[in-house]
C-alpha atoms as a PDB file:
ATOM      1  CA  MET A   1      61.972-126.299 131.179  1.00  0.00           C
ATOM      2  CA  SER A   2      58.244-126.118 130.864  1.00  0.00           C
ATOM      3  CA  ASP A   3      56.112-128.828 129.362  1.00  0.00           C
ATOM      4  CA  PRO A   4      55.205-127.828 125.779  1.00  0.00           C
ATOM      5  CA  ALA A   5      51.846-129.606 126.035  1.00  0.00           C
ATOM      6  CA  ARG A   6      50.812-127.519 129.047  1.00  0.00           C
ATOM      7  CA  PRO A   7      49.361-124.078 128.224  1.00  0.00           C
ATOM      8  CA  ARG A   8      51.438-121.139 129.431  1.00  0.00           C
ATOM      9  CA  SER A   9      50.053-118.526 131.737  1.00  0.00           C
ATOM     10  CA  VAL A  10      49.480-114.947 130.658  1.00  0.00           C
ATOM     11  CA  ARG A  11      52.036-113.803 133.228  1.00  0.00           C
ATOM     12  CA  SER A  12      54.679-116.136 131.787  1.00  0.00           C
ATOM     13  CA  SER A  13      53.965-114.990 128.215  1.00  0.00           C
ATOM     14  CA  LEU A  14      54.160-111.331 129.243  1.00  0.00           C
ATOM     15  CA  ALA A  15      57.443-111.918 131.084  1.00  0.00           C
ATOM     16  CA  ASP A  16      58.892-113.536 127.950  1.00  0.00           C
ATOM     17  CA  ALA A  17      57.740-110.714 125.682  1.00  0.00           C
ATOM     18  CA  LEU A  18      58.543-107.765 127.941  1.00  0.00           C
ATOM     19  CA  ILE A  19      61.578-108.920 129.917  1.00  0.00           C
ATOM     20  CA  PHE A  20      63.406-111.974 128.598  1.00  0.00           C
ATOM     21  CA  ALA A  21      63.160-111.341 124.834  1.00  0.00           C
ATOM     22  CA  PRO A  22      64.555-107.768 125.085  1.00  0.00           C
ATOM     23  CA  ILE A  23      67.367-108.960 127.367  1.00  0.00           C
ATOM     24  CA  GLY A  24      68.194-111.783 124.955  1.00  0.00           C
ATOM     25  CA  PHE A  25      68.140-109.404 122.010  1.00  0.00           C
ATOM     26  CA  TRP A  26      70.359-106.929 123.843  1.00  0.00           C
ATOM     27  CA  LEU A  27      72.891-109.668 124.683  1.00  0.00           C
ATOM     28  CA  ASP A  28      72.955-111.053 121.109  1.00  0.00           C
ATOM     29  CA  ALA A  29      72.371-107.779 119.219  1.00  0.00           C
ATOM     30  CA  ASN A  30      75.834-107.646 117.628  1.00  0.00           C
ATOM     31  CA  ARG A  31      75.626-111.221 116.364  1.00  0.00           C
ATOM     32  CA  ALA A  32      72.040-110.829 115.231  1.00  0.00           C
ATOM     33  CA  THR A  33      72.765-107.545 113.466  1.00  0.00           C
ATOM     34  CA  SER A  34      75.773-108.912 111.584  1.00  0.00           C
ATOM     35  CA  ASP A  35      73.837-112.070 110.584  1.00  0.00           C
ATOM     36  CA  LEU A  36      70.895-109.999 109.349  1.00  0.00           C
ATOM     37  CA  ALA A  37      73.191-107.617 107.466  1.00  0.00           C
ATOM     38  CA  ALA A  38      74.994-110.519 105.759  1.00  0.00           C
ATOM     39  CA  ALA A  39      71.691-112.103 104.764  1.00  0.00           C
ATOM     40  CA  GLY A  40      70.473-108.757 103.441  1.00  0.00           C
ATOM     41  CA  ARG A  41      73.645-108.238 101.393  1.00  0.00           C
ATOM     42  CA  LYS A  42      73.274-111.674  99.798  1.00  0.00           C
ATOM     43  CA  GLN A  43      69.634-111.029  98.974  1.00  0.00           C
ATOM     44  CA  VAL A  44      70.400-107.653  97.405  1.00  0.00           C
ATOM     45  CA  THR A  45      73.208-109.163  95.300  1.00  0.00           C
ATOM     46  CA  PHE A  46      70.959-111.986  94.157  1.00  0.00           C
ATOM     47  CA  SER A  47      68.104-109.599  93.363  1.00  0.00           C
ATOM     48  CA  ARG A  48      70.421-107.360  91.354  1.00  0.00           C
ATOM     49  CA  SER A  49      71.642-110.355  89.355  1.00  0.00           C
ATOM     50  CA  LEU A  50      68.111-111.514  88.622  1.00  0.00           C
ATOM     51  CA  GLY A  51      67.097-107.989  87.657  1.00  0.00           C
ATOM     52  CA  LYS A  52      70.015-107.724  85.250  1.00  0.00           C
ATOM     53  CA  VAL A  53      69.098-111.062  83.689  1.00  0.00           C
ATOM     54  CA  ALA A  54      65.527-109.846  83.246  1.00  0.00           C
ATOM     55  CA  LEU A  55      66.695-106.568  81.690  1.00  0.00           C
ATOM     56  CA  ARG A  56      69.024-108.364  79.293  1.00  0.00           C
ATOM     57  CA  THR A  57      66.213-110.723  78.278  1.00  0.00           C
ATOM     58  CA  ILE A  58      63.899-107.780  77.638  1.00  0.00           C
ATOM     59  CA  GLU A  59      66.618-105.918  75.717  1.00  0.00           C
ATOM     60  CA  SER A  60      67.197-108.981  73.565  1.00  0.00           C
ATOM     61  CA  ALA A  61      63.484-109.315  72.826  1.00  0.00           C
ATOM     62  CA  VAL A  62      63.212-105.607  71.957  1.00  0.00           C
ATOM     63  CA  ARG A  63      66.272-105.734  69.698  1.00  0.00           C
ATOM     64  CA  SER A  64      64.957-108.768  67.846  1.00  0.00           C
ATOM     65  CA  ALA A  65      61.589-107.032  67.380  1.00  0.00           C
ATOM     66  CA  ASN A  66      63.162-103.772  66.119  1.00  0.00           C
ATOM     67  CA  PRO A  67      64.815-103.731  62.698  1.00  0.00           C
ATOM     68  CA  PRO A  68      68.293-102.174  62.286  1.00  0.00           C
ATOM     69  CA  ASP A  69      68.617 -98.415  61.838  1.00  0.00           C
ATOM     70  CA  SER A  70      68.124 -96.866  58.399  1.00  0.00           C
ATOM     71  CA  ASP A  71      71.876 -96.999  57.769  1.00  0.00           C
ATOM     72  CA  GLY A  72      71.864-100.780  58.273  1.00  0.00           C
ATOM     73  CA  GLU A  73      73.607-100.631  61.651  1.00  0.00           C
ATOM     74  CA  PRO A  74      72.183-102.550  64.610  1.00  0.00           C
ATOM     75  CA  PRO A  75      71.122-100.519  67.656  1.00  0.00           C
ATOM     76  CA  ASP A  76      73.962 -99.418  69.940  1.00  0.00           C
ATOM     77  CA  SER A  77      74.687-101.788  72.809  1.00  0.00           C
ATOM     78  CA  ASP A  78      75.802-100.865  76.303  1.00  0.00           C
ATOM     79  CA  ALA A  79      79.506-101.105  76.950  1.00  0.00           C
ATOM     80  CA  ALA A  80      80.733-103.750  79.361  1.00  0.00           C
ATOM     81  CA  THR A  81      82.202-102.629  82.651  1.00  0.00           C
ATOM     82  CA  ASP A  82      85.900-103.013  83.474  1.00  0.00           C
ATOM     83  CA  SER A  83      85.233-105.908  85.835  1.00  0.00           C
ATOM     84  CA  ASP A  84      83.364-107.748  83.069  1.00  0.00           C
ATOM     85  CA  ARG A  85      86.369-107.547  80.751  1.00  0.00           C
ATOM     86  CA  ASP A  86      88.651-109.203  83.311  1.00  0.00           C
ATOM     87  CA  VAL A  87      86.830-112.558  83.159  1.00  0.00           C
ATOM     88  CA  ASP A  88      86.900-114.920  80.190  1.00  0.00           C
ATOM     89  CA  PRO A  89      83.372-116.324  79.802  1.00  0.00           C
ATOM     90  CA  GLY A  90      84.533-119.210  77.627  1.00  0.00           C
ATOM     91  CA  PRO A  91      83.762-120.182  74.049  1.00  0.00           C
ATOM     92  CA  GLY A  92      80.320-119.459  72.624  1.00  0.00           C
ATOM     93  CA  VAL A  93      79.251-117.143  75.448  1.00  0.00           C
ATOM     94  CA  SER A  94      78.306-113.516  74.810  1.00  0.00           C
ATOM     95  CA  ALA A  95      79.614-110.596  76.845  1.00  0.00           C
ATOM     96  CA  ALA A  96      75.975-109.732  77.670  1.00  0.00           C
ATOM     97  CA  ALA A  97      75.645-113.009  79.564  1.00  0.00           C
ATOM     98  CA  LEU A  98      78.762-112.169  81.554  1.00  0.00           C
ATOM     99  CA  TYR A  99      77.394-108.737  82.434  1.00  0.00           C
ATOM    100  CA  ALA A 100      74.110-110.281  83.577  1.00  0.00           C
ATOM    101  CA  VAL A 101      75.782-112.171  86.437  1.00  0.00           C
ATOM    102  CA  ALA A 102      77.465-109.303  88.253  1.00  0.00           C
ATOM    103  CA  GLY A 103      78.199-110.297  91.831  1.00  0.00           C
ATOM    104  CA  TYR A 104      78.299-113.994  90.914  1.00  0.00           C
ATOM    105  CA  GLY A 105      81.109-114.727  93.372  1.00  0.00           C
ATOM    106  CA  ASP A 106      78.917-113.659  96.287  1.00  0.00           C
ATOM    107  CA  LEU A 107      75.958-115.902  95.392  1.00  0.00           C
ATOM    108  CA  THR A 108      75.269-119.117  97.262  1.00  0.00           C
ATOM    109  CA  ALA A 109      74.830-122.397  95.376  1.00  0.00           C
ATOM    110  CA  ARG A 110      71.071-122.235  95.988  1.00  0.00           C
ATOM    111  CA  GLN A 111      70.879-118.737  94.513  1.00  0.00           C
ATOM    112  CA  VAL A 112      72.897-119.764  91.450  1.00  0.00           C
ATOM    113  CA  VAL A 113      70.673-122.816  90.859  1.00  0.00           C
ATOM    114  CA  GLU A 114      67.622-120.523  90.941  1.00  0.00           C
ATOM    115  CA  LEU A 115      69.365-118.169  88.525  1.00  0.00           C
ATOM    116  CA  VAL A 116      70.203-121.055  86.153  1.00  0.00           C
ATOM    117  CA  ARG A 117      66.562-122.175  86.041  1.00  0.00           C
ATOM    118  CA  ASP A 118      65.365-118.879  84.528  1.00  0.00           C
ATOM    119  CA  ALA A 119      68.472-117.373  82.937  1.00  0.00           C
ATOM    120  CA  PRO A 120      69.107-117.023  79.202  1.00  0.00           C
ATOM    121  CA  ILE A 121      71.052-119.935  77.744  1.00  0.00           C
ATOM    122  CA  ASP A 122      74.220-117.796  77.319  1.00  0.00           C
ATOM    123  CA  THR A 123      74.191-117.095  81.030  1.00  0.00           C
ATOM    124  CA  VAL A 124      73.759-120.805  81.786  1.00  0.00           C
ATOM    125  CA  ARG A 125      76.743-121.595  79.539  1.00  0.00           C
ATOM    126  CA  TRP A 126      78.817-118.984  81.354  1.00  0.00           C
ATOM    127  CA  VAL A 127      77.825-120.304  84.802  1.00  0.00           C
ATOM    128  CA  HIS A 128      78.648-123.853  83.691  1.00  0.00           C
ATOM    129  CA  ALA A 129      82.077-122.767  82.386  1.00  0.00           C
ATOM    130  CA  VAL A 130      82.898-120.818  85.561  1.00  0.00           C
ATOM    131  CA  GLU A 131      81.862-123.668  87.848  1.00  0.00           C
ATOM    132  CA  ARG A 132      83.726-126.251  85.773  1.00  0.00           C
ATOM    133  CA  SER A 133      86.936-124.230  85.805  1.00  0.00           C
ATOM    134  CA  ALA A 134      86.871-122.683  89.283  1.00  0.00           C
ATOM    135  CA  LYS A 135      84.444-123.431  92.085  1.00  0.00           C
ATOM    136  CA  LYS A 136      83.327-126.902  90.889  1.00  0.00           C
ATOM    137  CA  ARG A 137      80.061-126.874  92.902  1.00  0.00           C
ATOM    138  CA  VAL A 138      78.349-130.105  91.880  1.00  0.00           C
ATOM    139  CA  THR A 139      74.803-128.864  92.514  1.00  0.00           C
ATOM    140  CA  ILE A 140      75.291-125.961  90.134  1.00  0.00           C
ATOM    141  CA  LEU A 141      77.081-128.082  87.535  1.00  0.00           C
ATOM    142  CA  ARG A 142      74.172-130.551  87.527  1.00  0.00           C
ATOM    143  CA  ALA A 143      71.557-127.797  87.216  1.00  0.00           C
ATOM    144  CA  ALA A 144      73.453-126.103  84.373  1.00  0.00           C
ATOM    145  CA  ALA A 145      74.069-129.400  82.552  1.00  0.00           C
ATOM    146  CA  LYS A 146      70.385-130.286  82.852  1.00  0.00           C
ATOM    147  CA  ARG A 147      69.390-126.896  81.429  1.00  0.00           C
ATOM    148  CA  LEU A 148      71.931-127.268  78.609  1.00  0.00           C
ATOM    149  CA  GLY A 149      70.688-130.784  77.820  1.00  0.00           C
ATOM    150  CA  GLU A 150      73.991-132.505  78.634  1.00  0.00           C
END
């Protein structure tokens, strides 16, 4: 091993960049590719969930700003998907909050805590109920309880 305090020669740096790094990548390409793909999938799932939360928040704000139609009926709402109907969100939680957390099972605890910080209160209630009844991840339960004022 070389001494980290000693500056490296140009020849050594070029050998690392042009010879050893490509060989190392070639040897570990399958592992690196699968790790990068898994990280990308998690990020896309998390981003979709956050986007849905943002859209639901905007929809809610628009609906509250717009009066009902002339016939007294509220604006039509989007129908829930089949997968949303299979899960019981618990008492006092709207179906919209359930829809906003599509892909929840694939999120890491860190991602869920970030979601809880900015999510509508119905979504926080749903996350708290799911964690209490199923996964029981303490970090998420604490974050949700703090947001709910428990």
